[in-house]
Amino acid sequence: MPSLDLLLTRQVLVFLLIALILIVLAAVSLLGSRQGPVYTDADHATGRRARVLRDEVHGLSGKPDYIWRENGQLIPEEVKSRASGPHPARDHVIQLGVYFFLIEAEFHQRPAYGKLRYRNRTFRIENTAELRTEVLAIRERYERVSAGLVPPAPCPADRACRFCTMLDQIPGLTEDPRRPAPSRPSGR
């Protein structure tokens, strides 16, 4: 019959082995909860721009800053250089809503939510039916403007257009808003 010391040593070794396995499983779980990005809008090491994501069914395209895999889900993240007020800017929420469609079309997975990261805070934006409806309504308005059925709204964001990487994707754009408007004679 084995001695008591030998039995205790075996029990301690079994306990330590189980504890080590649990530690390894916990570490794998934590590391797997947020892996590296599945997609980034640019390769920051080489400066190469990423491909444009497209949803041909809805006629949408764009380039999220990041798409992360978190707990098996794809999560778009849009990074803004400015600070935010108490709520995210509505146009940024719409932009994230477009990315929900793009991820679903390109990766065949509907994100449950996305993130808008401002300099001072991050917002979690849910992928709701209301947001999807609003994105499609804006897309429909774009089609009607492009077809000449309704006049375009005046551009309130000339400043923002200077930094847009998607201007070359806009059909019918005749002037590049990144260039200063020609000066006009004062009429004196």
C-alpha atoms as a PDB file:
ATOM      1  CA  MET A   1       0.000   0.000   0.000  1.00  0.00           C
ATOM      2  CA  PRO A   2       1.416   3.458  -0.928  1.00  0.00           C
ATOM      3  CA  SER A   3       2.533   5.663   1.915  1.00  0.00           C
ATOM      4  CA  LEU A   4       0.590   8.740   2.995  1.00  0.00           C
ATOM      5  CA  ASP A   5       3.407  11.045   1.811  1.00  0.00           C
ATOM      6  CA  LEU A   6       3.311   9.543  -1.674  1.00  0.00           C
ATOM      7  CA  LEU A   7      -0.483   9.951  -1.866  1.00  0.00           C
ATOM      8  CA  LEU A   8      -0.252  13.592  -0.745  1.00  0.00           C
ATOM      9  CA  THR A   9       2.500  14.277  -3.285  1.00  0.00           C
ATOM     10  CA  ARG A  10       0.354  12.799  -6.079  1.00  0.00           C
ATOM     11  CA  GLN A  11      -2.662  14.853  -4.986  1.00  0.00           C
ATOM     12  CA  VAL A  12      -0.583  18.033  -4.917  1.00  0.00           C
ATOM     13  CA  LEU A  13       0.797  17.286  -8.374  1.00  0.00           C
ATOM     14  CA  VAL A  14      -2.688  16.615  -9.763  1.00  0.00           C
ATOM     15  CA  PHE A  15      -3.958  19.828  -8.157  1.00  0.00           C
ATOM     16  CA  LEU A  16      -1.041  21.840  -9.615  1.00  0.00           C
ATOM     17  CA  LEU A  17      -1.593  20.295 -13.050  1.00  0.00           C
ATOM     18  CA  ILE A  18      -5.309  21.179 -12.975  1.00  0.00           C
ATOM     19  CA  ALA A  19      -4.504  24.723 -11.799  1.00  0.00           C
ATOM     20  CA  LEU A  20      -1.973  25.132 -14.633  1.00  0.00           C
ATOM     21  CA  ILE A  21      -4.502  23.923 -17.212  1.00  0.00           C
ATOM     22  CA  LEU A  22      -7.115  26.367 -15.883  1.00  0.00           C
ATOM     23  CA  ILE A  23      -4.618  29.243 -16.025  1.00  0.00           C
ATOM     24  CA  VAL A  24      -3.710  28.401 -19.622  1.00  0.00           C
ATOM     25  CA  LEU A  25      -7.387  28.178 -20.618  1.00  0.00           C
ATOM     26  CA  ALA A  26      -8.137  31.530 -18.970  1.00  0.00           C
ATOM     27  CA  ALA A  27      -5.203  33.173 -20.764  1.00  0.00           C
ATOM     28  CA  VAL A  28      -6.296  31.761 -24.121  1.00  0.00           C
ATOM     29  CA  SER A  29      -9.838  32.984 -23.490  1.00  0.00           C
ATOM     30  CA  LEU A  30      -8.684  36.489 -22.597  1.00  0.00           C
ATOM     31  CA  LEU A  31      -6.310  36.716 -25.543  1.00  0.00           C
ATOM     32  CA  GLY A  32      -8.962  35.382 -27.903  1.00  0.00           C
ATOM     33  CA  SER A  33     -11.577  37.913 -26.835  1.00  0.00           C
ATOM     34  CA  ARG A  34      -9.932  40.694 -28.860  1.00  0.00           C
ATOM     35  CA  GLN A  35      -7.525  39.622 -31.514  1.00  0.00           C
ATOM     36  CA  GLY A  36      -5.754  41.831 -34.007  1.00  0.00           C
ATOM     37  CA  PRO A  37      -7.825  43.689 -36.552  1.00  0.00           C
ATOM     38  CA  VAL A  38      -9.417  41.647 -39.321  1.00  0.00           C
ATOM     39  CA  TYR A  39      -9.305  44.775 -41.510  1.00  0.00           C
ATOM     40  CA  THR A  40      -7.740  48.229 -41.328  1.00  0.00           C
ATOM     41  CA  ASP A  41      -8.257  51.107 -43.725  1.00  0.00           C
ATOM     42  CA  ALA A  42      -4.500  51.381 -44.320  1.00  0.00           C
ATOM     43  CA  ASP A  43      -1.340  49.436 -43.700  1.00  0.00           C
ATOM     44  CA  HIS A  44       0.378  51.928 -41.435  1.00  0.00           C
ATOM     45  CA  ALA A  45       3.750  50.200 -41.859  1.00  0.00           C
ATOM     46  CA  THR A  46       3.779  50.491 -45.672  1.00  0.00           C
ATOM     47  CA  GLY A  47       1.334  53.347 -46.202  1.00  0.00           C
ATOM     48  CA  ARG A  48      -0.723  51.253 -48.637  1.00  0.00           C
ATOM     49  CA  ARG A  49      -4.454  51.909 -48.630  1.00  0.00           C
ATOM     50  CA  ALA A  50      -6.852  49.040 -48.026  1.00  0.00           C
ATOM     51  CA  ARG A  51      -9.430  47.922 -50.521  1.00  0.00           C
ATOM     52  CA  VAL A  52     -12.849  49.519 -50.453  1.00  0.00           C
ATOM     53  CA  LEU A  53     -15.521  47.256 -48.982  1.00  0.00           C
ATOM     54  CA  ARG A  54     -18.727  47.014 -51.017  1.00  0.00           C
ATOM     55  CA  ASP A  55     -22.343  45.983 -50.602  1.00  0.00           C
ATOM     56  CA  GLU A  56     -23.527  45.601 -54.186  1.00  0.00           C
ATOM     57  CA  VAL A  57     -27.114  44.828 -53.136  1.00  0.00           C
ATOM     58  CA  HIS A  58     -27.568  48.209 -51.450  1.00  0.00           C
ATOM     59  CA  GLY A  59     -25.026  50.166 -53.509  1.00  0.00           C
ATOM     60  CA  LEU A  60     -22.861  51.032 -50.505  1.00  0.00           C
ATOM     61  CA  SER A  61     -19.092  51.238 -50.193  1.00  0.00           C
ATOM     62  CA  GLY A  62     -16.560  52.451 -47.694  1.00  0.00           C
ATOM     63  CA  LYS A  63     -13.516  51.746 -45.569  1.00  0.00           C
ATOM     64  CA  PRO A  64     -13.914  51.376 -41.808  1.00  0.00           C
ATOM     65  CA  ASP A  65     -10.850  52.348 -39.802  1.00  0.00           C
ATOM     66  CA  TYR A  66     -10.814  48.913 -38.152  1.00  0.00           C
ATOM     67  CA  ILE A  67     -12.810  45.710 -38.029  1.00  0.00           C
ATOM     68  CA  TRP A  68     -12.016  43.682 -34.922  1.00  0.00           C
ATOM     69  CA  ARG A  69     -12.932  40.126 -34.036  1.00  0.00           C
ATOM     70  CA  GLU A  70     -14.219  40.126 -30.457  1.00  0.00           C
ATOM     71  CA  ASN A  71     -15.633  36.947 -28.953  1.00  0.00           C
ATOM     72  CA  GLY A  72     -16.297  35.582 -32.428  1.00  0.00           C
ATOM     73  CA  GLN A  73     -18.090  38.733 -33.637  1.00  0.00           C
ATOM     74  CA  LEU A  74     -16.878  41.270 -36.184  1.00  0.00           C
ATOM     75  CA  ILE A  75     -16.965  44.787 -34.727  1.00  0.00           C
ATOM     76  CA  PRO A  76     -16.304  47.903 -36.829  1.00  0.00           C
ATOM     77  CA  GLU A  77     -14.499  50.770 -35.139  1.00  0.00           C
ATOM     78  CA  GLU A  78     -14.337  54.284 -36.533  1.00  0.00           C
ATOM     79  CA  VAL A  79     -11.713  56.574 -35.023  1.00  0.00           C
ATOM     80  CA  LYS A  80     -12.263  60.324 -34.967  1.00  0.00           C
ATOM     81  CA  SER A  81      -9.512  62.809 -34.210  1.00  0.00           C
ATOM     82  CA  ARG A  82     -11.750  65.282 -32.417  1.00  0.00           C
ATOM     83  CA  ALA A  83     -13.364  65.167 -29.014  1.00  0.00           C
ATOM     84  CA  SER A  84     -17.031  64.312 -28.635  1.00  0.00           C
ATOM     85  CA  GLY A  85     -19.841  65.950 -26.781  1.00  0.00           C
ATOM     86  CA  PRO A  86     -22.245  63.881 -24.675  1.00  0.00           C
ATOM     87  CA  HIS A  87     -23.524  62.097 -27.806  1.00  0.00           C
ATOM     88  CA  PRO A  88     -21.821  60.935 -31.003  1.00  0.00           C
ATOM     89  CA  ALA A  89     -22.325  63.033 -34.144  1.00  0.00           C
ATOM     90  CA  ARG A  90     -25.294  61.695 -36.131  1.00  0.00           C
ATOM     91  CA  ASP A  91     -23.331  61.549 -39.397  1.00  0.00           C
ATOM     92  CA  HIS A  92     -20.709  59.395 -37.666  1.00  0.00           C
ATOM     93  CA  VAL A  93     -23.442  57.026 -36.450  1.00  0.00           C
ATOM     94  CA  ILE A  94     -24.762  56.804 -40.037  1.00  0.00           C
ATOM     95  CA  GLN A  95     -21.225  56.120 -41.264  1.00  0.00           C
ATOM     96  CA  LEU A  96     -20.954  53.227 -38.803  1.00  0.00           C
ATOM     97  CA  GLY A  97     -24.393  52.056 -39.977  1.00  0.00           C
ATOM     98  CA  VAL A  98     -23.029  51.814 -43.532  1.00  0.00           C
ATOM     99  CA  TYR A  99     -20.141  49.719 -42.210  1.00  0.00           C
ATOM    100  CA  PHE A 100     -22.635  47.281 -40.681  1.00  0.00           C
ATOM    101  CA  PHE A 101     -24.005  46.631 -44.194  1.00  0.00           C
ATOM    102  CA  LEU A 102     -20.497  46.347 -45.667  1.00  0.00           C
ATOM    103  CA  ILE A 103     -19.345  43.789 -43.101  1.00  0.00           C
ATOM    104  CA  GLU A 104     -22.475  41.743 -43.631  1.00  0.00           C
ATOM    105  CA  ALA A 105     -21.936  41.763 -47.406  1.00  0.00           C
ATOM    106  CA  GLU A 106     -18.172  41.118 -47.347  1.00  0.00           C
ATOM    107  CA  PHE A 107     -17.827  38.771 -44.361  1.00  0.00           C
ATOM    108  CA  HIS A 108     -21.355  37.250 -44.233  1.00  0.00           C
ATOM    109  CA  GLN A 109     -21.796  38.196 -40.586  1.00  0.00           C
ATOM    110  CA  ARG A 110     -24.056  40.926 -39.217  1.00  0.00           C
ATOM    111  CA  PRO A 111     -22.301  42.908 -36.469  1.00  0.00           C
ATOM    112  CA  ALA A 112     -24.363  43.411 -33.321  1.00  0.00           C
ATOM    113  CA  TYR A 113     -22.695  46.762 -32.654  1.00  0.00           C
ATOM    114  CA  GLY A 114     -19.782  48.982 -33.574  1.00  0.00           C
ATOM    115  CA  LYS A 115     -17.608  51.564 -31.852  1.00  0.00           C
ATOM    116  CA  LEU A 116     -17.105  55.265 -32.470  1.00  0.00           C
ATOM    117  CA  ARG A 117     -13.853  56.260 -30.792  1.00  0.00           C
ATOM    118  CA  TYR A 118     -13.329  59.966 -30.223  1.00  0.00           C
ATOM    119  CA  ARG A 119     -10.324  61.563 -28.577  1.00  0.00           C
ATOM    120  CA  ASN A 120     -12.086  61.735 -25.208  1.00  0.00           C
ATOM    121  CA  ARG A 121     -14.485  58.780 -25.231  1.00  0.00           C
ATOM    122  CA  THR A 122     -15.796  55.741 -27.080  1.00  0.00           C
ATOM    123  CA  PHE A 123     -19.467  55.082 -27.904  1.00  0.00           C
ATOM    124  CA  ARG A 124     -21.004  51.675 -28.498  1.00  0.00           C
ATOM    125  CA  ILE A 125     -23.493  51.950 -31.377  1.00  0.00           C
ATOM    126  CA  GLU A 126     -26.040  49.147 -31.709  1.00  0.00           C
ATOM    127  CA  ASN A 127     -26.886  47.779 -35.151  1.00  0.00           C
ATOM    128  CA  THR A 128     -30.624  48.415 -34.874  1.00  0.00           C
ATOM    129  CA  ALA A 129     -33.404  48.109 -37.428  1.00  0.00           C
ATOM    130  CA  GLU A 130     -33.961  51.872 -37.076  1.00  0.00           C
ATOM    131  CA  LEU A 131     -30.342  52.677 -37.963  1.00  0.00           C
ATOM    132  CA  ARG A 132     -30.417  50.302 -40.934  1.00  0.00           C
ATOM    133  CA  THR A 133     -33.647  51.919 -42.165  1.00  0.00           C
ATOM    134  CA  GLU A 134     -32.108  55.386 -41.848  1.00  0.00           C
ATOM    135  CA  VAL A 135     -28.996  54.344 -43.793  1.00  0.00           C
ATOM    136  CA  LEU A 136     -31.140  52.938 -46.607  1.00  0.00           C
ATOM    137  CA  ALA A 137     -33.323  56.079 -46.663  1.00  0.00           C
ATOM    138  CA  ILE A 138     -30.220  58.233 -47.077  1.00  0.00           C
ATOM    139  CA  ARG A 139     -29.003  55.893 -49.828  1.00  0.00           C
ATOM    140  CA  GLU A 140     -32.400  56.224 -51.575  1.00  0.00           C
ATOM    141  CA  ARG A 141     -32.189  60.026 -51.365  1.00  0.00           C
ATOM    142  CA  TYR A 142     -28.721  59.856 -52.911  1.00  0.00           C
ATOM    143  CA  GLU A 143     -30.136  57.844 -55.827  1.00  0.00           C
ATOM    144  CA  ARG A 144     -32.953  60.348 -56.330  1.00  0.00           C
ATOM    145  CA  VAL A 145     -30.501  63.276 -56.323  1.00  0.00           C
ATOM    146  CA  SER A 146     -28.193  61.427 -58.744  1.00  0.00           C
ATOM    147  CA  ALA A 147     -31.145  60.809 -61.091  1.00  0.00           C
ATOM    148  CA  GLY A 148     -32.094  64.496 -60.963  1.00  0.00           C
ATOM    149  CA  LEU A 149     -35.448  63.782 -59.318  1.00  0.00           C
ATOM    150  CA  VAL A 150     -34.749  66.023 -56.318  1.00  0.00           C
ATOM    151  CA  PRO A 151     -32.257  68.850 -55.833  1.00  0.00           C
ATOM    152  CA  PRO A 152     -29.178  68.129 -53.740  1.00  0.00           C
ATOM    153  CA  ALA A 153     -29.005  69.533 -50.250  1.00  0.00           C
ATOM    154  CA  PRO A 154     -26.427  72.282 -49.804  1.00  0.00           C
ATOM    155  CA  CYS A 155     -23.120  70.899 -48.593  1.00  0.00           C
ATOM    156  CA  PRO A 156     -22.723  71.864 -44.936  1.00  0.00           C
ATOM    157  CA  ALA A 157     -19.385  70.113 -44.530  1.00  0.00           C
ATOM    158  CA  ASP A 158     -16.962  71.567 -47.073  1.00  0.00           C
ATOM    159  CA  ARG A 159     -14.405  71.556 -44.282  1.00  0.00           C
ATOM    160  CA  ALA A 160     -14.822  67.816 -43.729  1.00  0.00           C
ATOM    161  CA  CYS A 161     -14.608  67.064 -47.451  1.00  0.00           C
ATOM    162  CA  ARG A 162     -10.982  68.203 -47.484  1.00  0.00           C
ATOM    163  CA  PHE A 163     -10.002  65.019 -45.653  1.00  0.00           C
ATOM    164  CA  CYS A 164     -12.288  62.574 -47.435  1.00  0.00           C
ATOM    165  CA  THR A 165     -10.515  59.642 -49.089  1.00  0.00           C
ATOM    166  CA  MET A 166     -13.667  58.648 -50.991  1.00  0.00           C
ATOM    167  CA  LEU A 167     -14.176  61.750 -53.187  1.00  0.00           C
ATOM    168  CA  ASP A 168     -13.034  59.911 -56.299  1.00  0.00           C
ATOM    169  CA  GLN A 169     -15.905  57.434 -55.717  1.00  0.00           C
ATOM    170  CA  ILE A 170     -18.646  60.094 -56.051  1.00  0.00           C
ATOM    171  CA  PRO A 171     -20.232  59.966 -59.524  1.00  0.00           C
ATOM    172  CA  GLY A 172     -20.838  63.323 -61.161  1.00  0.00           C
ATOM    173  CA  LEU A 173     -18.611  65.331 -58.819  1.00  0.00           C
ATOM    174  CA  THR A 174     -17.308  68.174 -60.977  1.00  0.00           C
ATOM    175  CA  GLU A 175     -15.368  70.184 -58.408  1.00  0.00           C
ATOM    176  CA  ASP A 176     -12.968  68.849 -55.842  1.00  0.00           C
ATOM    177  CA  PRO A 177     -13.944  70.437 -52.505  1.00  0.00           C
ATOM    178  CA  ARG A 178     -10.362  69.936 -51.320  1.00  0.00           C
ATOM    179  CA  ARG A 179      -9.242  72.711 -53.663  1.00  0.00           C
ATOM    180  CA  PRO A 180      -9.980  76.316 -52.706  1.00  0.00           C
ATOM    181  CA  ALA A 181     -12.798  77.929 -54.666  1.00  0.00           C
ATOM    182  CA  PRO A 182     -11.605  80.363 -57.329  1.00  0.00           C
ATOM    183  CA  SER A 183     -11.517  83.909 -56.074  1.00  0.00           C
ATOM    184  CA  ARG A 184     -14.110  86.223 -57.528  1.00  0.00           C
ATOM    185  CA  PRO A 185     -13.575  89.880 -58.347  1.00  0.00           C
ATOM    186  CA  SER A 186     -15.030  92.088 -55.639  1.00  0.00           C
ATOM    187  CA  GLY A 187     -17.021  94.118 -58.172  1.00  0.00           C
ATOM    188  CA  ARG A 188     -15.649  97.485 -57.124  1.00  0.00           C
END
